[in-house]
């Protein structure tokens, strides 16, 4: 997504245990949007320690459904159950992005999209999962909206880029504001 937008960057994975970071936050009753932001900051700060002169972009997403924070399904059966649970209902996808330099947060932004699924039959879900295969396990909702997963959706309220990865438009605006990108 960033490459398609013309950004030049290096990819460096954060070395953090996301579940260990979020467990006490969830236990305290923290809002999913705040957890997404804290995870994005933790990732960016972790990389920033290794590259203090770099402007590090960190992002994370948290899916909230009926008061629960969901994680990526670990099996196809779990993906099937997830899609059937989301059937005919709405869920929230909180997408956070931060810029960190020398271990200090320079900017952060949060977008929340509300995604409503159409009513799904078990047969449709089975055919969908057979078609997308293991890709269903790489997404917290067990679907990729930028691919065949769009067929599960009835309505979207929110930013498409935030759903497929991160709030890209606010990031580009901030990079222009910082004179990193041309206006």
N, C-alpha and C. Protein backbone atom coordinates (compact mmCIF):
# COMPACT_ATOMS: atom_id res chain seq x y z
N UNK A 1 0.82 -1.18 0.00
CA UNK A 1 0.00 0.00 0.00
C UNK A 1 0.88 1.26 0.00
N UNK A 2 1.88 1.30 0.85
CA UNK A 2 2.76 2.47 0.88
C UNK A 2 3.61 2.54 -0.38
N UNK A 3 4.05 1.40 -0.86
CA UNK A 3 4.82 1.38 -2.11
C UNK A 3 3.97 1.89 -3.26
N UNK A 4 2.72 1.47 -3.33
CA UNK A 4 1.81 1.93 -4.38
C UNK A 4 1.57 3.44 -4.29
N UNK A 5 1.72 4.00 -3.11
CA UNK A 5 1.54 5.44 -2.92
C UNK A 5 2.81 6.22 -3.25
N UNK A 6 3.87 5.51 -3.64
CA UNK A 6 5.11 6.17 -4.03
C UNK A 6 6.07 6.43 -2.89
N UNK A 7 5.83 5.85 -1.74
CA UNK A 7 6.74 6.05 -0.61
C UNK A 7 7.95 5.13 -0.75
N UNK A 8 9.10 5.62 -0.33
CA UNK A 8 10.33 4.83 -0.31
C UNK A 8 10.64 4.54 1.15
N UNK A 9 10.81 3.28 1.48
CA UNK A 9 10.98 2.90 2.88
C UNK A 9 11.66 1.55 2.97
N UNK A 10 12.17 1.24 4.15
CA UNK A 10 12.70 -0.08 4.47
C UNK A 10 11.73 -0.73 5.44
N UNK A 11 11.65 -2.04 5.38
CA UNK A 11 10.78 -2.79 6.29
C UNK A 11 11.65 -3.43 7.35
N UNK A 12 11.28 -3.22 8.58
CA UNK A 12 11.99 -3.80 9.72
C UNK A 12 10.93 -4.26 10.72
N UNK A 13 10.88 -5.55 10.99
CA UNK A 13 9.87 -6.09 11.89
C UNK A 13 10.20 -5.75 13.34
N UNK A 14 9.16 -5.45 14.09
CA UNK A 14 9.31 -5.23 15.53
C UNK A 14 9.47 -6.58 16.22
N UNK A 15 10.23 -6.59 17.27
CA UNK A 15 10.47 -7.80 18.04
C UNK A 15 9.76 -7.66 19.39
N UNK A 16 8.42 -7.79 19.34
CA UNK A 16 7.63 -7.71 20.57
C UNK A 16 6.61 -8.85 20.58
N UNK A 17 6.18 -9.21 21.77
CA UNK A 17 5.11 -10.18 21.94
C UNK A 17 3.82 -9.39 22.11
N UNK A 18 3.07 -9.26 21.02
CA UNK A 18 1.86 -8.42 21.04
C UNK A 18 0.85 -8.89 22.09
N UNK A 19 0.67 -10.19 22.23
CA UNK A 19 -0.30 -10.70 23.20
C UNK A 19 0.13 -10.34 24.62
N UNK A 20 1.44 -10.37 24.90
CA UNK A 20 1.92 -10.01 26.24
C UNK A 20 1.72 -8.52 26.51
N UNK A 21 1.85 -7.70 25.48
CA UNK A 21 1.63 -6.26 25.65
C UNK A 21 0.15 -5.98 25.89
N UNK A 22 -0.71 -6.63 25.13
CA UNK A 22 -2.13 -6.29 25.22
C UNK A 22 -2.87 -6.96 26.38
N UNK A 23 -2.37 -8.07 26.90
CA UNK A 23 -3.10 -8.80 27.95
C UNK A 23 -3.43 -7.91 29.16
N UNK A 24 -2.48 -7.20 29.74
CA UNK A 24 -2.86 -6.35 30.89
C UNK A 24 -3.76 -5.19 30.49
N UNK A 25 -3.64 -4.73 29.26
CA UNK A 25 -4.49 -3.64 28.78
C UNK A 25 -5.93 -4.11 28.68
N UNK A 26 -6.12 -5.31 28.13
CA UNK A 26 -7.47 -5.89 28.04
C UNK A 26 -8.03 -6.15 29.43
N UNK A 27 -7.19 -6.68 30.31
CA UNK A 27 -7.64 -6.99 31.66
C UNK A 27 -8.10 -5.74 32.40
N UNK A 28 -7.50 -4.60 32.08
CA UNK A 28 -7.88 -3.35 32.74
C UNK A 28 -9.15 -2.74 32.14
N UNK A 29 -9.65 -3.34 31.05
CA UNK A 29 -10.86 -2.84 30.42
C UNK A 29 -10.60 -1.71 29.43
N UNK A 30 -9.36 -1.57 29.01
CA UNK A 30 -9.02 -0.50 28.06
C UNK A 30 -9.77 -0.70 26.75
N UNK A 31 -10.15 0.40 26.14
CA UNK A 31 -10.88 0.37 24.87
C UNK A 31 -10.01 -0.22 23.76
N UNK A 32 -10.61 -0.98 22.85
CA UNK A 32 -9.84 -1.58 21.75
C UNK A 32 -9.07 -0.57 20.91
N UNK A 33 -9.62 0.62 20.68
CA UNK A 33 -8.92 1.64 19.90
C UNK A 33 -7.63 2.06 20.61
N UNK A 34 -7.68 2.18 21.93
CA UNK A 34 -6.49 2.55 22.69
C UNK A 34 -5.45 1.43 22.67
N UNK A 35 -5.92 0.20 22.70
CA UNK A 35 -5.00 -0.94 22.62
C UNK A 35 -4.29 -0.94 21.27
N UNK A 36 -5.01 -0.68 20.19
CA UNK A 36 -4.40 -0.62 18.86
C UNK A 36 -3.29 0.43 18.84
N UNK A 37 -3.56 1.60 19.42
CA UNK A 37 -2.56 2.66 19.42
C UNK A 37 -1.33 2.28 20.25
N UNK A 38 -1.55 1.68 21.40
CA UNK A 38 -0.42 1.27 22.24
C UNK A 38 0.42 0.21 21.54
N UNK A 39 -0.22 -0.73 20.84
CA UNK A 39 0.52 -1.74 20.09
C UNK A 39 1.32 -1.12 18.96
N UNK A 40 0.73 -0.15 18.26
CA UNK A 40 1.46 0.54 17.18
C UNK A 40 2.66 1.27 17.73
N UNK A 41 2.50 1.93 18.88
CA UNK A 41 3.61 2.64 19.52
C UNK A 41 4.69 1.66 19.95
N UNK A 42 4.29 0.55 20.57
CA UNK A 42 5.27 -0.44 21.03
C UNK A 42 6.10 -0.98 19.88
N UNK A 43 5.45 -1.24 18.76
CA UNK A 43 6.18 -1.74 17.58
C UNK A 43 7.17 -0.69 17.07
N UNK A 44 6.69 0.54 16.91
CA UNK A 44 7.55 1.60 16.37
C UNK A 44 8.70 1.92 17.32
N UNK A 45 8.43 1.97 18.61
CA UNK A 45 9.50 2.25 19.58
C UNK A 45 10.54 1.14 19.57
N UNK A 46 10.09 -0.11 19.43
CA UNK A 46 11.02 -1.23 19.38
C UNK A 46 11.98 -1.10 18.21
N UNK A 47 11.48 -0.73 17.05
CA UNK A 47 12.33 -0.56 15.87
C UNK A 47 13.18 0.70 16.01
N UNK A 48 12.61 1.74 16.59
CA UNK A 48 13.32 3.02 16.75
C UNK A 48 14.57 2.87 17.62
N UNK A 49 14.54 1.99 18.57
CA UNK A 49 15.73 1.75 19.41
C UNK A 49 16.89 1.27 18.55
N UNK A 50 16.59 0.46 17.56
CA UNK A 50 17.63 -0.06 16.66
C UNK A 50 18.04 0.95 15.59
N UNK A 51 17.14 1.86 15.26
CA UNK A 51 17.39 2.85 14.20
C UNK A 51 16.96 4.24 14.70
N UNK A 52 17.69 4.80 15.67
CA UNK A 52 17.25 6.05 16.30
C UNK A 52 17.17 7.25 15.36
N UNK A 53 17.90 7.25 14.26
CA UNK A 53 17.87 8.39 13.33
C UNK A 53 16.75 8.27 12.30
N UNK A 54 16.09 7.13 12.26
CA UNK A 54 15.04 6.90 11.26
C UNK A 54 13.69 7.35 11.79
N UNK A 55 12.85 7.79 10.89
CA UNK A 55 11.45 8.03 11.21
C UNK A 55 10.74 6.70 11.00
N UNK A 56 10.23 6.13 12.07
CA UNK A 56 9.66 4.79 12.04
C UNK A 56 8.14 4.89 12.04
N UNK A 57 7.54 4.17 11.12
CA UNK A 57 6.08 4.07 11.05
C UNK A 57 5.68 2.77 11.72
N UNK A 58 4.79 2.87 12.68
CA UNK A 58 4.25 1.68 13.34
C UNK A 58 2.75 1.68 13.19
N UNK A 59 2.17 0.51 13.01
CA UNK A 59 0.72 0.44 12.90
C UNK A 59 0.21 -0.87 13.48
N UNK A 60 -1.05 -0.85 13.85
CA UNK A 60 -1.70 -2.07 14.32
C UNK A 60 -3.20 -1.90 14.18
N UNK A 61 -3.87 -3.03 14.15
CA UNK A 61 -5.32 -3.06 14.05
C UNK A 61 -5.90 -3.96 15.13
N UNK A 62 -7.03 -3.55 15.65
CA UNK A 62 -7.75 -4.36 16.63
C UNK A 62 -9.20 -4.46 16.17
N UNK A 63 -9.70 -5.67 16.09
CA UNK A 63 -11.08 -5.91 15.71
C UNK A 63 -11.90 -6.14 16.97
N UNK A 64 -12.97 -5.35 17.11
CA UNK A 64 -13.86 -5.49 18.26
C UNK A 64 -15.22 -5.96 17.76
N UNK A 65 -15.73 -6.99 18.42
CA UNK A 65 -17.01 -7.56 18.03
C UNK A 65 -17.76 -7.98 19.28
N UNK A 66 -18.93 -7.38 19.49
CA UNK A 66 -19.79 -7.72 20.62
C UNK A 66 -19.03 -7.72 21.94
N UNK A 67 -18.24 -6.67 22.15
CA UNK A 67 -17.52 -6.51 23.41
C UNK A 67 -16.25 -7.31 23.55
N UNK A 68 -15.87 -8.04 22.52
CA UNK A 68 -14.66 -8.87 22.56
C UNK A 68 -13.65 -8.37 21.55
N UNK A 69 -12.38 -8.50 21.91
CA UNK A 69 -11.30 -8.23 20.96
C UNK A 69 -10.91 -9.56 20.34
N UNK A 70 -10.94 -9.61 19.00
CA UNK A 70 -10.65 -10.86 18.30
C UNK A 70 -9.24 -10.85 17.75
N UNK A 71 -8.65 -12.04 17.66
CA UNK A 71 -7.33 -12.23 17.08
C UNK A 71 -7.45 -13.12 15.83
N UNK A 72 -6.36 -13.25 15.12
CA UNK A 72 -6.36 -14.08 13.92
C UNK A 72 -6.77 -15.50 14.28
N UNK A 73 -7.63 -16.12 13.48
CA UNK A 73 -7.99 -17.51 13.75
C UNK A 73 -6.78 -18.41 13.51
N UNK A 74 -6.69 -19.47 14.28
CA UNK A 74 -5.54 -20.36 14.14
C UNK A 74 -5.84 -21.59 13.29
N UNK A 75 -7.12 -21.85 13.06
CA UNK A 75 -7.50 -23.00 12.23
C UNK A 75 -8.61 -22.58 11.26
N UNK A 76 -8.80 -23.36 10.23
CA UNK A 76 -9.88 -23.09 9.28
C UNK A 76 -11.24 -23.24 9.96
N UNK A 77 -11.36 -24.14 10.91
CA UNK A 77 -12.62 -24.29 11.64
C UNK A 77 -12.91 -23.04 12.46
N UNK A 78 -11.87 -22.49 13.07
CA UNK A 78 -12.05 -21.24 13.82
C UNK A 78 -12.44 -20.10 12.86
N UNK A 79 -11.85 -20.06 11.68
CA UNK A 79 -12.20 -19.06 10.68
C UNK A 79 -13.67 -19.22 10.27
N UNK A 80 -14.11 -20.45 10.09
CA UNK A 80 -15.51 -20.71 9.73
C UNK A 80 -16.44 -20.20 10.82
N UNK A 81 -16.13 -20.52 12.06
CA UNK A 81 -16.96 -20.06 13.18
C UNK A 81 -16.96 -18.53 13.28
N UNK A 82 -15.80 -17.92 13.04
CA UNK A 82 -15.69 -16.46 13.09
C UNK A 82 -16.60 -15.82 12.05
N UNK A 83 -16.54 -16.29 10.82
CA UNK A 83 -17.35 -15.71 9.75
C UNK A 83 -18.84 -15.89 10.03
N UNK A 84 -19.22 -17.04 10.53
CA UNK A 84 -20.63 -17.27 10.85
C UNK A 84 -21.08 -16.39 12.01
N UNK A 85 -20.21 -16.15 12.97
CA UNK A 85 -20.55 -15.26 14.09
C UNK A 85 -20.74 -13.82 13.59
N UNK A 86 -19.92 -13.40 12.63
CA UNK A 86 -20.02 -12.03 12.08
C UNK A 86 -21.20 -11.87 11.13
N UNK A 87 -21.78 -12.96 10.68
CA UNK A 87 -22.87 -12.96 9.70
C UNK A 87 -24.03 -12.06 10.13
N UNK A 88 -24.39 -11.12 9.25
CA UNK A 88 -25.52 -10.25 9.49
C UNK A 88 -25.30 -9.20 10.56
N UNK A 89 -24.07 -9.06 11.04
CA UNK A 89 -23.77 -8.15 12.15
C UNK A 89 -22.64 -7.19 11.77
N UNK A 90 -22.47 -6.19 12.61
CA UNK A 90 -21.40 -5.21 12.42
C UNK A 90 -20.28 -5.45 13.42
N UNK A 91 -19.08 -5.11 13.00
CA UNK A 91 -17.93 -5.12 13.90
C UNK A 91 -17.08 -3.89 13.61
N UNK A 92 -16.23 -3.54 14.55
CA UNK A 92 -15.38 -2.37 14.43
C UNK A 92 -13.94 -2.79 14.22
N UNK A 93 -13.28 -2.12 13.30
CA UNK A 93 -11.86 -2.34 13.08
C UNK A 93 -11.15 -1.03 13.40
N UNK A 94 -10.37 -1.05 14.47
CA UNK A 94 -9.62 0.12 14.92
C UNK A 94 -8.21 0.02 14.34
N UNK A 95 -7.81 1.02 13.59
CA UNK A 95 -6.53 1.01 12.91
C UNK A 95 -5.71 2.21 13.36
N UNK A 96 -4.58 1.94 14.01
CA UNK A 96 -3.72 2.99 14.55
C UNK A 96 -2.44 3.08 13.75
N UNK A 97 -1.93 4.30 13.63
CA UNK A 97 -0.64 4.52 12.99
C UNK A 97 0.10 5.59 13.78
N UNK A 98 1.42 5.40 13.91
CA UNK A 98 2.25 6.34 14.65
C UNK A 98 3.56 6.57 13.89
N UNK A 99 4.15 7.71 14.15
CA UNK A 99 5.50 8.02 13.68
C UNK A 99 6.36 8.23 14.91
N UNK A 100 7.48 7.52 14.97
CA UNK A 100 8.39 7.59 16.10
C UNK A 100 9.80 7.88 15.58
N UNK A 101 10.50 8.76 16.28
CA UNK A 101 11.91 9.03 15.96
C UNK A 101 12.67 9.11 17.27
N UNK A 102 13.81 8.45 17.30
CA UNK A 102 14.66 8.42 18.50
C UNK A 102 13.85 8.03 19.74
N UNK A 103 12.94 7.08 19.57
CA UNK A 103 12.16 6.57 20.68
C UNK A 103 11.04 7.46 21.14
N UNK A 104 10.79 8.56 20.44
CA UNK A 104 9.76 9.51 20.85
C UNK A 104 8.64 9.58 19.80
N UNK A 105 7.41 9.50 20.27
CA UNK A 105 6.27 9.57 19.36
C UNK A 105 6.16 10.99 18.81
N UNK A 106 6.21 11.11 17.50
CA UNK A 106 6.10 12.40 16.82
C UNK A 106 4.67 12.70 16.41
N UNK A 107 3.90 11.65 16.15
CA UNK A 107 2.53 11.81 15.65
C UNK A 107 1.82 10.47 15.78
N UNK A 108 0.52 10.54 16.02
CA UNK A 108 -0.29 9.31 16.03
C UNK A 108 -1.68 9.63 15.50
N UNK A 109 -2.31 8.61 14.97
CA UNK A 109 -3.65 8.78 14.40
C UNK A 109 -4.41 7.45 14.51
N UNK A 110 -5.70 7.57 14.74
CA UNK A 110 -6.57 6.40 14.87
C UNK A 110 -7.77 6.56 13.94
N UNK A 111 -8.11 5.51 13.23
CA UNK A 111 -9.33 5.47 12.41
C UNK A 111 -10.12 4.24 12.85
N UNK A 112 -11.42 4.39 12.89
CA UNK A 112 -12.28 3.25 13.18
C UNK A 112 -13.25 3.09 12.01
N UNK A 113 -13.29 1.89 11.49
CA UNK A 113 -14.24 1.55 10.42
C UNK A 113 -15.25 0.56 11.00
N UNK A 114 -16.48 0.73 10.60
CA UNK A 114 -17.54 -0.21 10.99
C UNK A 114 -17.91 -1.00 9.75
N UNK A 115 -17.79 -2.30 9.87
CA UNK A 115 -18.02 -3.20 8.74
C UNK A 115 -19.23 -4.08 9.08
N UNK A 116 -20.21 -4.06 8.20
CA UNK A 116 -21.40 -4.89 8.40
C UNK A 116 -21.37 -6.01 7.37
N UNK A 117 -21.47 -7.24 7.88
CA UNK A 117 -21.53 -8.40 7.00
C UNK A 117 -22.96 -8.64 6.54
N UNK A 118 -23.09 -9.18 5.35
CA UNK A 118 -24.40 -9.65 4.90
C UNK A 118 -24.69 -10.94 5.65
N UNK A 119 -25.90 -11.40 5.58
CA UNK A 119 -26.28 -12.66 6.21
C UNK A 119 -25.63 -13.79 5.40
N UNK A 120 -24.84 -14.62 6.07
CA UNK A 120 -24.09 -15.69 5.40
C UNK A 120 -24.66 -17.05 5.77
N UNK A 121 -24.74 -17.91 4.79
CA UNK A 121 -25.15 -19.29 5.08
C UNK A 121 -23.89 -20.12 5.34
N UNK A 122 -24.03 -21.22 6.06
CA UNK A 122 -22.87 -22.09 6.25
C UNK A 122 -22.29 -22.59 4.91
N UNK A 123 -23.14 -22.82 3.94
CA UNK A 123 -22.68 -23.28 2.63
C UNK A 123 -21.82 -22.20 1.95
N UNK A 124 -22.29 -20.95 2.01
CA UNK A 124 -21.52 -19.86 1.41
C UNK A 124 -20.17 -19.71 2.09
N UNK A 125 -20.16 -19.76 3.41
CA UNK A 125 -18.92 -19.64 4.17
C UNK A 125 -17.97 -20.77 3.80
N UNK A 126 -18.49 -21.98 3.68
CA UNK A 126 -17.66 -23.12 3.29
C UNK A 126 -17.04 -22.93 1.92
N UNK A 127 -17.83 -22.49 0.95
CA UNK A 127 -17.30 -22.24 -0.40
C UNK A 127 -16.27 -21.11 -0.39
N UNK A 128 -16.56 -20.06 0.39
CA UNK A 128 -15.63 -18.94 0.48
C UNK A 128 -14.28 -19.39 1.05
N UNK A 129 -14.32 -20.12 2.14
CA UNK A 129 -13.07 -20.58 2.76
C UNK A 129 -12.33 -21.56 1.87
N UNK A 130 -13.05 -22.39 1.15
CA UNK A 130 -12.40 -23.31 0.21
C UNK A 130 -11.69 -22.52 -0.89
N UNK A 131 -12.27 -21.41 -1.29
CA UNK A 131 -11.68 -20.59 -2.35
C UNK A 131 -10.45 -19.81 -1.87
N UNK A 132 -10.53 -19.20 -0.67
CA UNK A 132 -9.42 -18.36 -0.20
C UNK A 132 -8.36 -19.16 0.54
N UNK A 133 -8.73 -20.32 1.05
CA UNK A 133 -7.76 -21.19 1.72
C UNK A 133 -7.13 -20.56 2.95
N UNK A 134 -5.87 -20.86 3.15
CA UNK A 134 -5.14 -20.44 4.36
C UNK A 134 -5.02 -18.93 4.51
N UNK A 135 -5.29 -18.16 3.45
CA UNK A 135 -5.28 -16.69 3.58
C UNK A 135 -6.24 -16.24 4.65
N UNK A 136 -7.29 -17.01 4.90
CA UNK A 136 -8.27 -16.65 5.93
C UNK A 136 -7.63 -16.57 7.31
N UNK A 137 -6.52 -17.27 7.50
CA UNK A 137 -5.85 -17.30 8.80
C UNK A 137 -4.91 -16.12 9.00
N UNK A 138 -4.72 -15.31 7.97
CA UNK A 138 -3.76 -14.20 8.07
C UNK A 138 -4.43 -12.89 8.44
N UNK A 139 -5.73 -12.92 8.71
CA UNK A 139 -6.48 -11.70 9.00
C UNK A 139 -7.32 -11.91 10.25
N UNK A 140 -7.38 -10.88 11.09
CA UNK A 140 -8.10 -10.98 12.35
C UNK A 140 -9.58 -11.32 12.14
N UNK A 141 -10.17 -10.83 11.07
CA UNK A 141 -11.57 -11.12 10.81
C UNK A 141 -11.79 -12.39 10.01
N UNK A 142 -10.73 -13.03 9.59
CA UNK A 142 -10.76 -14.22 8.74
C UNK A 142 -11.22 -13.88 7.32
N UNK A 143 -11.01 -12.63 6.92
CA UNK A 143 -11.34 -12.22 5.55
C UNK A 143 -10.39 -11.09 5.14
N UNK A 144 -10.19 -10.98 3.84
CA UNK A 144 -9.42 -9.88 3.27
C UNK A 144 -10.38 -9.10 2.39
N UNK A 145 -10.73 -7.92 2.86
CA UNK A 145 -11.72 -7.11 2.16
C UNK A 145 -11.25 -6.67 0.78
N UNK A 146 -9.93 -6.63 0.60
CA UNK A 146 -9.38 -6.22 -0.69
C UNK A 146 -9.41 -7.36 -1.71
N UNK A 147 -9.84 -8.52 -1.28
CA UNK A 147 -9.96 -9.68 -2.17
C UNK A 147 -11.38 -10.21 -2.14
N UNK A 148 -11.50 -11.52 -2.16
CA UNK A 148 -12.82 -12.15 -2.18
C UNK A 148 -13.64 -11.87 -0.93
N UNK A 149 -12.98 -11.45 0.13
CA UNK A 149 -13.70 -11.13 1.37
C UNK A 149 -14.72 -10.03 1.21
N UNK A 150 -14.57 -9.20 0.18
CA UNK A 150 -15.55 -8.13 -0.06
C UNK A 150 -16.94 -8.72 -0.29
N UNK A 151 -17.01 -9.96 -0.75
CA UNK A 151 -18.30 -10.60 -0.99
C UNK A 151 -19.06 -10.90 0.30
N UNK A 152 -18.39 -10.81 1.43
CA UNK A 152 -19.03 -11.05 2.72
C UNK A 152 -19.70 -9.80 3.27
N UNK A 153 -19.33 -8.65 2.72
CA UNK A 153 -19.66 -7.35 3.29
C UNK A 153 -20.93 -6.77 2.68
N UNK A 154 -21.76 -6.22 3.55
CA UNK A 154 -22.97 -5.52 3.14
C UNK A 154 -22.75 -4.01 3.11
N UNK A 155 -21.98 -3.49 4.09
CA UNK A 155 -21.79 -2.04 4.19
C UNK A 155 -20.51 -1.74 4.95
N UNK A 156 -19.85 -0.63 4.55
CA UNK A 156 -18.65 -0.15 5.23
C UNK A 156 -18.86 1.32 5.58
N UNK A 157 -18.65 1.65 6.83
CA UNK A 157 -18.60 3.05 7.26
C UNK A 157 -17.18 3.30 7.75
N UNK A 158 -16.41 4.02 6.95
CA UNK A 158 -15.04 4.30 7.35
C UNK A 158 -14.10 4.24 6.17
N UNK A 159 -12.85 4.41 6.46
CA UNK A 159 -11.80 4.51 5.46
C UNK A 159 -11.32 3.13 4.99
N UNK A 160 -11.38 2.93 3.69
CA UNK A 160 -10.98 1.64 3.11
C UNK A 160 -9.52 1.31 3.41
N UNK A 161 -8.62 2.29 3.28
CA UNK A 161 -7.20 2.04 3.54
C UNK A 161 -6.96 1.57 4.97
N UNK A 162 -7.74 2.13 5.90
CA UNK A 162 -7.60 1.72 7.30
C UNK A 162 -7.99 0.26 7.49
N UNK A 163 -8.92 -0.19 6.68
CA UNK A 163 -9.35 -1.59 6.78
C UNK A 163 -8.28 -2.52 6.21
N UNK A 164 -7.68 -2.13 5.10
CA UNK A 164 -6.72 -3.05 4.46
C UNK A 164 -5.30 -2.93 5.04
N UNK A 165 -5.09 -2.03 6.00
CA UNK A 165 -3.76 -1.99 6.60
C UNK A 165 -3.50 -0.87 7.56
N UNK A 166 -3.74 0.38 7.11
CA UNK A 166 -3.45 1.52 7.97
C UNK A 166 -4.12 2.76 7.40
N UNK A 167 -4.27 3.79 8.24
CA UNK A 167 -4.85 5.05 7.75
C UNK A 167 -3.85 5.77 6.84
N UNK A 168 -3.85 5.42 5.58
CA UNK A 168 -2.86 5.92 4.63
C UNK A 168 -3.01 7.41 4.35
N UNK A 169 -4.21 7.90 4.14
CA UNK A 169 -4.38 9.31 3.80
C UNK A 169 -3.90 10.24 4.92
N UNK A 170 -4.24 9.99 6.19
CA UNK A 170 -3.69 10.82 7.25
C UNK A 170 -2.16 10.73 7.35
N UNK A 171 -1.60 9.54 7.08
CA UNK A 171 -0.14 9.40 7.08
C UNK A 171 0.48 10.28 6.00
N UNK A 172 -0.06 10.22 4.79
CA UNK A 172 0.48 11.05 3.71
C UNK A 172 0.37 12.53 4.04
N UNK A 173 -0.75 12.94 4.64
CA UNK A 173 -0.93 14.34 5.02
C UNK A 173 0.12 14.76 6.05
N UNK A 174 0.38 13.89 7.02
CA UNK A 174 1.37 14.22 8.05
C UNK A 174 2.78 14.27 7.46
N UNK A 175 3.10 13.36 6.56
CA UNK A 175 4.43 13.38 5.92
C UNK A 175 4.60 14.65 5.08
N UNK A 176 3.53 15.13 4.46
CA UNK A 176 3.60 16.42 3.76
C UNK A 176 3.79 17.56 4.75
N UNK A 177 3.05 17.50 5.87
CA UNK A 177 3.16 18.52 6.92
C UNK A 177 4.59 18.59 7.49
N UNK A 178 5.23 17.44 7.58
CA UNK A 178 6.61 17.37 8.09
C UNK A 178 7.64 17.67 7.00
N UNK A 179 7.16 18.01 5.81
CA UNK A 179 8.03 18.31 4.65
C UNK A 179 8.87 17.10 4.23
N UNK A 180 8.37 15.92 4.49
CA UNK A 180 9.03 14.70 4.02
C UNK A 180 8.53 14.37 2.62
N UNK A 181 7.27 14.67 2.36
CA UNK A 181 6.69 14.53 1.02
C UNK A 181 6.39 15.92 0.47
N UNK A 182 6.41 16.01 -0.84
CA UNK A 182 6.06 17.25 -1.50
C UNK A 182 4.58 17.53 -1.36
N UNK A 183 4.25 18.80 -1.21
CA UNK A 183 2.84 19.19 -1.09
C UNK A 183 2.20 19.29 -2.45
